[in-house]
Amino acid sequence: MNFANQDKTLARAEPLRDTGAGSGPPRDEDPAGQDPGSNPAAPAEERRARHRRRYAWLGTLASVVLFVISLGVLGKLVSTVTWAELRTAFLAATPDQIGLAIVLVVVSYLFLTCYDALALRQLKLKVPYRTTALASFTSYAVSFNLGFPLFTAGTVRYWIYSAQGLSPGRIAALTIVAGFTFWLGMGAVLGISLIREAGPLSHLTYTSALFNQGLGAAVLAAVLAYLAWVTVKRRSVKVRGWRLELPGLKLSLSQMLVGAGDVCAAAGVLYVLLPAGHGLSFETFVAIYVLAAMLGIASHAPGGLGVFEATVLLALSGLPRESVLGALLLFRVCYYLIPFVVALAALGAYEIAKRARLTPREAPDDDAAESDPTP
């Protein structure tokens, strides 16, 4: 679930300026439908941007510290587990468990394709769903495993969407709207589960039930405040001078439901792989999963590697450690490794099919073809 980091990095992309007409779809100049033109407040904005950059290293430092601490905790937690015990726990999953986990992986990634579909609807762009599904699935599967979303997910999305005439500015805007889907769903699920399962969570996280309820209420209040904010009137955000209009109430509710479905399906993958007899309700486990995922995102590690595992192991310390670690490893295989292999195969098939559709006249052997990637 690490794709939220790319929202910040891809937003820095500038729209592509076309210098001539080509045979492919026209490229958009403005990711939000409005060219900023001259901006007298630009010097002040540049000063604020420089001021923010001065302290940007603090966030990086905090991420590195969190990652290092989590690796230390993870190492200490697994130090008592032998390879024989781990292998036994890893192979203990039944075919029914693995089959159900694979089904939930498919459901989660189907919800991820809806992220891009809703974003395209907000931007009033028409892209075939098969293209949307390919771009969103492959970009998320690749970035989850490799990290560095600016160079991985961003490259994959541009590779596919640019052939549909989308400029880098449009693709950046799409990514930002998709990020809102993720955080709305995450916030709704976390807030509800913290309130409803405050008691059981207090025993797992060593916090009071009142604290959990207060935190859940605060998270839900933030989600509801955002929904009310976009309901009162049209809202927009500026991305390096571009104005991006945010979705209204109807589309924001759709985003929240899609994001919640994705989070619950992803949590379900790990939940069904846990050893039998753990006694945890799914709603309690979802709160643990969301907290672990958020810490993993904050660490900027690919897929929250190390941080996610350490958080889950700490929260489920009452269960056999080797069994939980085996479930976590199997979860990595099902949710990250298998989709990554499928994504690479899909990208290869896409490129082969695109090349096969090119006629000799359309082959990219000159400058004109290089400027128009449309098959």
Protein backbone atom coordinates (compact mmCIF):
# COMPACT_ATOMS: atom_id res chain seq x y z
CA MET A 1 0.00 0.00 0.00
CA ASN A 2 2.87 2.28 -0.53
CA PHE A 3 1.57 3.99 -3.54
CA ALA A 4 0.44 7.13 -1.61
CA ASN A 5 4.02 8.45 -1.60
CA GLN A 6 3.96 8.92 -5.38
CA ASP A 7 1.16 11.49 -4.99
CA LYS A 8 3.67 14.03 -3.68
CA THR A 9 6.46 13.27 -6.08
CA LEU A 10 4.48 13.05 -9.32
CA ALA A 11 2.75 16.31 -8.54
CA ARG A 12 6.00 18.07 -9.45
CA ALA A 13 5.68 16.99 -13.10
CA GLU A 14 5.16 19.79 -15.60
CA PRO A 15 2.62 19.45 -18.43
CA LEU A 16 3.99 18.47 -21.82
CA ARG A 17 3.85 21.20 -24.45
CA ASP A 18 3.08 19.89 -27.93
CA THR A 19 4.69 21.78 -30.79
CA GLY A 20 2.80 20.25 -33.63
CA ALA A 21 -0.11 18.09 -34.64
CA GLY A 22 0.31 14.37 -34.86
CA SER A 23 -1.77 11.41 -35.87
CA GLY A 24 -2.38 10.36 -32.24
CA PRO A 25 -4.75 11.80 -29.62
CA PRO A 26 -4.17 15.47 -28.73
CA ARG A 27 -2.20 16.12 -25.58
CA ASP A 28 -3.68 18.22 -22.82
CA GLU A 29 -1.94 21.42 -21.82
CA ASP A 30 -3.63 21.90 -18.46
CA PRO A 31 -4.20 19.09 -15.94
CA ALA A 32 -7.19 20.82 -14.39
CA GLY A 33 -8.71 22.74 -17.24
CA GLN A 34 -7.20 26.11 -16.44
CA ASP A 35 -3.91 27.62 -17.58
CA PRO A 36 -2.45 29.72 -14.78
CA GLY A 37 -1.02 32.37 -17.12
CA SER A 38 0.89 35.10 -15.40
CA ASN A 39 0.90 34.93 -11.64
CA PRO A 40 1.93 38.06 -9.76
CA ALA A 41 2.15 36.09 -6.52
CA ALA A 42 4.77 33.74 -8.00
CA PRO A 43 7.78 35.32 -6.20
CA ALA A 44 6.06 34.92 -2.82
CA GLU A 45 5.16 31.32 -3.66
CA GLU A 46 8.74 30.62 -4.70
CA ARG A 47 10.01 31.99 -1.41
CA ARG A 48 7.59 29.76 0.50
CA ALA A 49 8.69 26.78 -1.60
CA ARG A 50 12.35 27.48 -0.80
CA HIS A 51 11.45 27.76 2.87
CA ARG A 52 9.72 24.39 2.77
CA ARG A 53 12.68 22.79 1.03
CA ARG A 54 14.99 23.92 3.83
CA TYR A 55 13.13 21.69 6.25
CA ALA A 56 12.33 18.85 3.85
CA TRP A 57 15.28 16.88 5.22
CA LEU A 58 13.50 16.59 8.58
CA GLY A 59 10.84 14.34 7.04
CA THR A 60 13.50 12.22 5.37
CA LEU A 61 15.44 11.95 8.62
CA ALA A 62 12.30 10.91 10.53
CA SER A 63 11.57 8.22 7.92
CA VAL A 64 15.10 6.85 8.14
CA VAL A 65 14.98 6.81 11.96
CA LEU A 66 11.61 5.02 11.91
CA PHE A 67 12.93 2.46 9.44
CA VAL A 68 16.10 1.77 11.42
CA ILE A 69 14.22 1.44 14.73
CA SER A 70 11.70 -0.90 13.13
CA LEU A 71 14.45 -3.09 11.69
CA GLY A 72 15.98 -3.30 15.16
CA VAL A 73 12.66 -4.26 16.71
CA LEU A 74 11.98 -6.78 13.95
CA GLY A 75 15.41 -8.34 14.40
CA LYS A 76 14.87 -8.71 18.13
CA LEU A 77 11.41 -10.19 17.66
CA VAL A 78 12.54 -12.88 15.21
CA SER A 79 15.81 -13.68 16.98
CA THR A 80 14.10 -16.44 18.97
CA VAL A 81 12.61 -18.06 15.86
CA THR A 82 14.58 -20.86 14.21
CA TRP A 83 14.57 -21.48 10.46
CA ALA A 84 12.95 -24.89 11.03
CA GLU A 85 10.08 -23.32 12.98
CA LEU A 86 9.66 -20.61 10.38
CA ARG A 87 9.62 -23.12 7.51
CA THR A 88 7.02 -25.21 9.33
CA ALA A 89 4.83 -22.15 9.95
CA PHE A 90 5.22 -20.97 6.36
CA LEU A 91 4.11 -24.34 5.01
CA ALA A 92 1.31 -24.73 7.55
CA ALA A 93 -1.19 -22.73 5.50
CA THR A 94 -3.92 -24.91 4.03
CA PRO A 95 -4.93 -24.83 0.35
CA ASP A 96 -8.21 -23.21 1.41
CA GLN A 97 -6.34 -20.41 3.17
CA ILE A 98 -4.07 -19.78 0.19
CA GLY A 99 -6.97 -19.93 -2.26
CA LEU A 100 -9.03 -17.43 -0.27
CA ALA A 101 -5.99 -15.18 0.10
CA ILE A 102 -5.47 -15.14 -3.68
CA VAL A 103 -9.13 -14.26 -4.22
CA LEU A 104 -8.82 -11.33 -1.80
CA VAL A 105 -5.64 -10.17 -3.56
CA VAL A 106 -7.58 -10.04 -6.83
CA VAL A 107 -10.40 -8.11 -5.15
CA SER A 108 -7.94 -5.60 -3.64
CA TYR A 109 -6.21 -4.94 -6.96
CA LEU A 110 -9.58 -4.58 -8.70
CA PHE A 111 -10.39 -1.84 -6.19
CA LEU A 112 -7.02 -0.25 -7.02
CA THR A 113 -8.04 0.00 -10.67
CA CYS A 114 -11.10 1.96 -9.52
CA TYR A 115 -8.75 4.57 -8.01
CA ASP A 116 -7.64 5.61 -11.48
CA ALA A 117 -11.13 5.21 -12.94
CA LEU A 118 -12.60 7.68 -10.42
CA ALA A 119 -9.71 10.09 -10.96
CA LEU A 120 -10.24 10.02 -14.73
CA ARG A 121 -13.93 10.70 -14.20
CA GLN A 122 -13.12 13.73 -12.04
CA LEU A 123 -10.72 15.03 -14.70
CA LYS A 124 -13.36 14.40 -17.41
CA LEU A 125 -11.02 12.16 -19.38
CA LYS A 126 -12.21 9.15 -21.33
CA VAL A 127 -9.80 6.24 -21.26
CA PRO A 128 -10.88 2.62 -21.92
CA TYR A 129 -11.15 0.61 -18.72
CA ARG A 130 -8.76 -2.04 -20.01
CA THR A 131 -6.10 0.68 -20.33
CA THR A 132 -6.96 2.11 -16.91
CA ALA A 133 -6.82 -1.34 -15.32
CA LEU A 134 -3.46 -2.10 -16.94
CA ALA A 135 -1.90 1.24 -15.94
CA SER A 136 -3.15 1.23 -12.36
CA PHE A 137 -2.48 -2.46 -11.64
CA THR A 138 1.02 -2.50 -13.09
CA SER A 139 2.06 0.84 -11.57
CA TYR A 140 0.94 -0.15 -8.08
CA ALA A 141 2.36 -3.68 -8.29
CA VAL A 142 5.73 -2.36 -9.45
CA SER A 143 5.97 0.52 -6.96
CA PHE A 144 4.88 -1.67 -4.03
CA ASN A 145 7.91 -3.88 -4.60
CA LEU A 146 10.56 -1.47 -5.88
CA GLY A 147 9.65 1.75 -4.09
CA PHE A 148 10.87 5.03 -5.60
CA PRO A 149 7.40 5.78 -7.05
CA LEU A 150 8.67 8.75 -9.04
CA PHE A 151 10.82 6.43 -11.15
CA THR A 152 8.72 3.25 -11.00
CA ALA A 153 4.99 3.90 -10.81
CA GLY A 154 5.41 7.27 -12.51
CA THR A 155 7.30 5.72 -15.41
CA VAL A 156 4.77 2.91 -15.81
CA ARG A 157 1.80 5.26 -15.76
CA TYR A 158 3.36 7.65 -18.24
CA TRP A 159 4.35 4.76 -20.50
CA ILE A 160 0.72 3.62 -20.77
CA TYR A 161 -1.33 6.80 -20.36
CA SER A 162 0.80 8.94 -22.68
CA ALA A 163 -0.28 6.70 -25.56
CA GLN A 164 -3.84 7.87 -24.81
CA GLY A 165 -2.82 11.52 -25.18
CA LEU A 166 -2.43 12.36 -21.48
CA SER A 167 0.31 14.86 -20.67
CA PRO A 168 2.54 14.52 -17.59
CA GLY A 169 0.46 17.24 -15.92
CA ARG A 170 -2.73 15.25 -16.40
CA ILE A 171 -1.08 12.09 -15.11
CA ALA A 172 0.14 13.96 -12.03
CA ALA A 173 -3.37 15.29 -11.41
CA LEU A 174 -4.78 11.79 -11.79
CA THR A 175 -2.32 10.50 -9.22
CA ILE A 176 -3.27 13.17 -6.70
CA VAL A 177 -6.99 12.40 -7.00
CA ALA A 178 -6.22 8.68 -6.63
CA GLY A 179 -4.30 9.52 -3.45
CA PHE A 180 -7.41 11.14 -1.98
CA THR A 181 -9.24 7.85 -2.61
CA PHE A 182 -6.63 5.94 -0.63
CA TRP A 183 -6.61 8.27 2.37
CA LEU A 184 -10.39 8.67 2.54
CA GLY A 185 -10.83 4.90 2.63
CA MET A 186 -7.99 4.42 5.10
CA GLY A 187 -9.36 7.12 7.40
CA ALA A 188 -12.91 5.78 7.36
CA VAL A 189 -11.85 2.21 8.13
CA LEU A 190 -9.39 3.24 10.84
CA GLY A 191 -11.82 5.60 12.57
CA ILE A 192 -14.71 3.12 12.66
CA SER A 193 -12.59 0.18 13.80
CA LEU A 194 -10.88 2.21 16.55
CA ILE A 195 -14.25 3.25 17.96
CA ARG A 196 -15.99 -0.11 17.66
CA GLU A 197 -13.03 -2.24 18.80
CA ALA A 198 -11.51 0.14 21.34
CA GLY A 199 -11.49 -2.47 24.13
CA PRO A 200 -9.79 -5.38 22.31
CA LEU A 201 -7.31 -2.99 20.70
CA SER A 202 -6.35 -1.56 24.08
CA HIS A 203 -5.02 -4.98 25.15
CA LEU A 204 -3.06 -5.42 21.91
CA THR A 205 -1.58 -1.93 21.62
CA TYR A 206 -1.15 -1.22 25.36
CA THR A 207 -3.33 1.89 25.16
CA SER A 208 -6.56 2.77 26.94
CA ALA A 209 -9.94 2.17 25.34
CA LEU A 210 -10.77 5.84 25.85
CA PHE A 211 -7.65 6.87 23.94
CA ASN A 212 -8.56 4.55 21.06
CA GLN A 213 -12.08 5.91 20.92
CA GLY A 214 -10.83 9.49 21.00
CA LEU A 215 -8.33 8.80 18.21
CA GLY A 216 -10.99 7.08 16.14
CA ALA A 217 -13.40 9.97 16.64
CA ALA A 218 -10.69 12.44 15.61
CA VAL A 219 -9.94 10.48 12.42
CA LEU A 220 -13.62 10.22 11.52
CA ALA A 221 -14.09 13.92 12.27
CA ALA A 222 -11.28 14.73 9.84
CA VAL A 223 -12.90 12.60 7.12
CA LEU A 224 -16.32 14.15 7.70
CA ALA A 225 -14.82 17.64 7.78
CA TYR A 226 -13.23 17.03 4.38
CA LEU A 227 -16.53 15.77 2.97
CA ALA A 228 -18.33 18.82 4.32
CA TRP A 229 -15.57 21.09 2.95
CA VAL A 230 -15.97 19.81 -0.61
CA THR A 231 -19.77 19.84 -0.31
CA VAL A 232 -20.22 23.52 0.55
CA LYS A 233 -18.65 24.70 -2.71
CA ARG A 234 -16.16 23.65 -5.32
CA ARG A 235 -12.68 23.30 -3.92
CA SER A 236 -9.33 23.17 -5.64
CA VAL A 237 -5.66 22.77 -4.86
CA LYS A 238 -2.67 24.24 -6.67
CA VAL A 239 0.09 22.02 -8.00
CA ARG A 240 3.06 24.16 -9.07
CA GLY A 241 0.75 26.83 -10.45
CA TRP A 242 -1.87 24.46 -11.88
CA ARG A 243 -5.34 24.51 -10.33
CA LEU A 244 -6.79 21.04 -9.69
CA GLU A 245 -10.49 20.92 -8.83
CA LEU A 246 -11.27 18.39 -6.10
CA PRO A 247 -14.16 15.92 -6.37
CA GLY A 248 -17.52 16.93 -4.90
CA LEU A 249 -19.51 15.03 -2.28
CA LYS A 250 -20.90 12.32 -4.57
CA LEU A 251 -17.55 11.36 -6.07
CA SER A 252 -15.77 11.74 -2.70
CA LEU A 253 -18.18 9.25 -1.14
CA SER A 254 -17.45 6.87 -4.00
CA GLN A 255 -13.74 7.35 -3.36
CA MET A 256 -14.19 6.59 0.33
CA LEU A 257 -16.12 3.38 -0.38
CA VAL A 258 -13.57 2.21 -2.97
CA GLY A 259 -10.65 2.99 -0.66
CA ALA A 260 -12.34 1.21 2.25
CA GLY A 261 -12.99 -1.83 0.07
CA ASP A 262 -9.34 -1.96 -0.97
CA VAL A 263 -8.08 -1.67 2.62
CA CYS A 264 -10.46 -4.35 3.92
CA ALA A 265 -9.60 -6.75 1.09
CA ALA A 266 -5.86 -6.25 1.61
CA ALA A 267 -6.23 -6.76 5.36
CA GLY A 268 -8.30 -9.85 4.66
CA VAL A 269 -5.38 -11.42 2.79
CA LEU A 270 -3.21 -11.44 5.91
CA TYR A 271 -6.15 -12.22 8.21
CA VAL A 272 -7.00 -15.51 6.48
CA LEU A 273 -3.33 -16.55 6.54
CA LEU A 274 -3.00 -16.16 10.32
CA PRO A 275 -2.79 -19.40 12.33
CA ALA A 276 -6.10 -20.96 13.32
CA GLY A 277 -7.50 -20.19 16.74
CA HIS A 278 -6.07 -16.68 17.03
CA GLY A 279 -9.38 -15.36 18.41
CA LEU A 280 -9.14 -11.96 16.71
CA SER A 281 -12.18 -10.43 15.09
CA PHE A 282 -11.67 -9.11 11.58
CA GLU A 283 -12.64 -5.58 12.63
CA THR A 284 -9.98 -5.57 15.36
CA PHE A 285 -7.37 -6.88 12.97
CA VAL A 286 -8.24 -4.24 10.34
CA ALA A 287 -7.29 -1.49 12.80
CA ILE A 288 -3.92 -3.19 13.43
CA TYR A 289 -3.36 -3.61 9.70
CA VAL A 290 -4.14 0.04 8.93
CA LEU A 291 -1.82 1.30 11.69
CA ALA A 292 0.96 -0.98 10.44
CA ALA A 293 0.38 0.13 6.84
CA MET A 294 0.46 3.82 7.80
CA LEU A 295 3.74 3.37 9.66
CA GLY A 296 5.10 1.51 6.65
CA ILE A 297 4.11 4.42 4.39
CA ALA A 298 5.78 6.88 6.76
CA SER A 299 9.02 4.87 6.56
CA HIS A 300 9.12 5.20 2.73
CA ALA A 301 10.36 1.59 2.55
CA PRO A 302 9.03 -0.42 -0.42
CA GLY A 303 5.79 -1.95 0.81
CA GLY A 304 6.64 -0.81 4.34
CA LEU A 305 9.13 -3.70 4.50
CA GLY A 306 10.33 -4.30 8.05
CA VAL A 307 8.16 -1.58 9.60
CA PHE A 308 4.91 -3.31 8.70
CA GLU A 309 6.11 -6.69 10.00
CA ALA A 310 7.46 -5.25 13.24
CA THR A 311 4.17 -3.49 13.98
CA VAL A 312 2.05 -6.57 13.33
CA LEU A 313 4.36 -8.80 15.37
CA LEU A 314 4.21 -6.39 18.31
CA ALA A 315 0.42 -6.12 18.17
CA LEU A 316 0.02 -9.90 17.89
CA SER A 317 2.65 -10.77 20.47
CA GLY A 318 0.18 -13.08 22.20
CA LEU A 319 0.23 -15.46 19.24
CA PRO A 320 3.07 -17.88 18.35
CA ARG A 321 5.72 -15.67 16.84
CA GLU A 322 6.88 -18.15 14.22
CA SER A 323 3.30 -18.66 13.00
CA VAL A 324 2.65 -14.93 12.63
CA LEU A 325 5.98 -14.43 10.87
CA GLY A 326 5.18 -17.30 8.51
CA ALA A 327 1.82 -15.69 7.73
CA LEU A 328 3.55 -12.36 7.07
CA LEU A 329 6.00 -13.96 4.65
CA LEU A 330 3.20 -15.74 2.83
CA PHE A 331 1.30 -12.46 2.70
CA ARG A 332 4.33 -10.84 1.02
CA VAL A 333 4.35 -13.60 -1.57
CA CYS A 334 0.61 -13.39 -2.29
CA TYR A 335 0.09 -9.63 -2.18
CA TYR A 336 3.42 -8.33 -3.47
CA LEU A 337 5.52 -10.94 -5.28
CA ILE A 338 2.83 -12.68 -7.38
CA PRO A 339 1.21 -9.41 -8.60
CA PHE A 340 4.70 -8.07 -9.36
CA VAL A 341 5.48 -11.04 -11.61
CA VAL A 342 2.06 -10.75 -13.28
CA ALA A 343 2.57 -7.01 -13.78
CA LEU A 344 5.94 -7.54 -15.46
CA ALA A 345 4.39 -10.15 -17.75
CA ALA A 346 1.48 -7.80 -18.54
CA LEU A 347 3.84 -4.94 -19.39
CA GLY A 348 5.86 -7.21 -21.63
CA ALA A 349 2.72 -8.41 -23.41
CA TYR A 350 1.53 -4.81 -23.76
CA GLU A 351 4.77 -3.71 -25.37
CA ILE A 352 4.83 -6.71 -27.71
CA ALA A 353 1.22 -6.08 -28.76
CA LYS A 354 1.93 -2.38 -29.32
CA ARG A 355 4.95 -3.17 -31.49
CA ALA A 356 2.98 -5.76 -33.43
CA ARG A 357 0.31 -3.19 -34.30
CA LEU A 358 2.88 -0.80 -35.79
CA THR A 359 3.11 -0.79 -39.55
CA PRO A 360 6.48 -0.08 -41.22
CA ARG A 361 5.27 3.44 -41.97
CA GLU A 362 4.39 4.00 -38.31
CA ALA A 363 7.55 2.45 -36.90
CA PRO A 364 9.37 4.85 -34.55
CA ASP A 365 12.39 5.37 -36.80
CA ASP A 366 12.24 9.14 -37.08
CA ASP A 367 11.75 12.23 -34.97
CA ALA A 368 8.04 12.53 -35.75
CA ALA A 369 7.31 9.04 -34.50
CA GLU A 370 9.42 9.68 -31.43
CA SER A 371 7.24 12.65 -30.47
CA ASP A 372 4.02 10.63 -30.91
CA PRO A 373 4.05 7.34 -28.96
CA THR A 374 0.53 6.37 -30.07
CA PRO A 375 0.49 3.08 -31.98
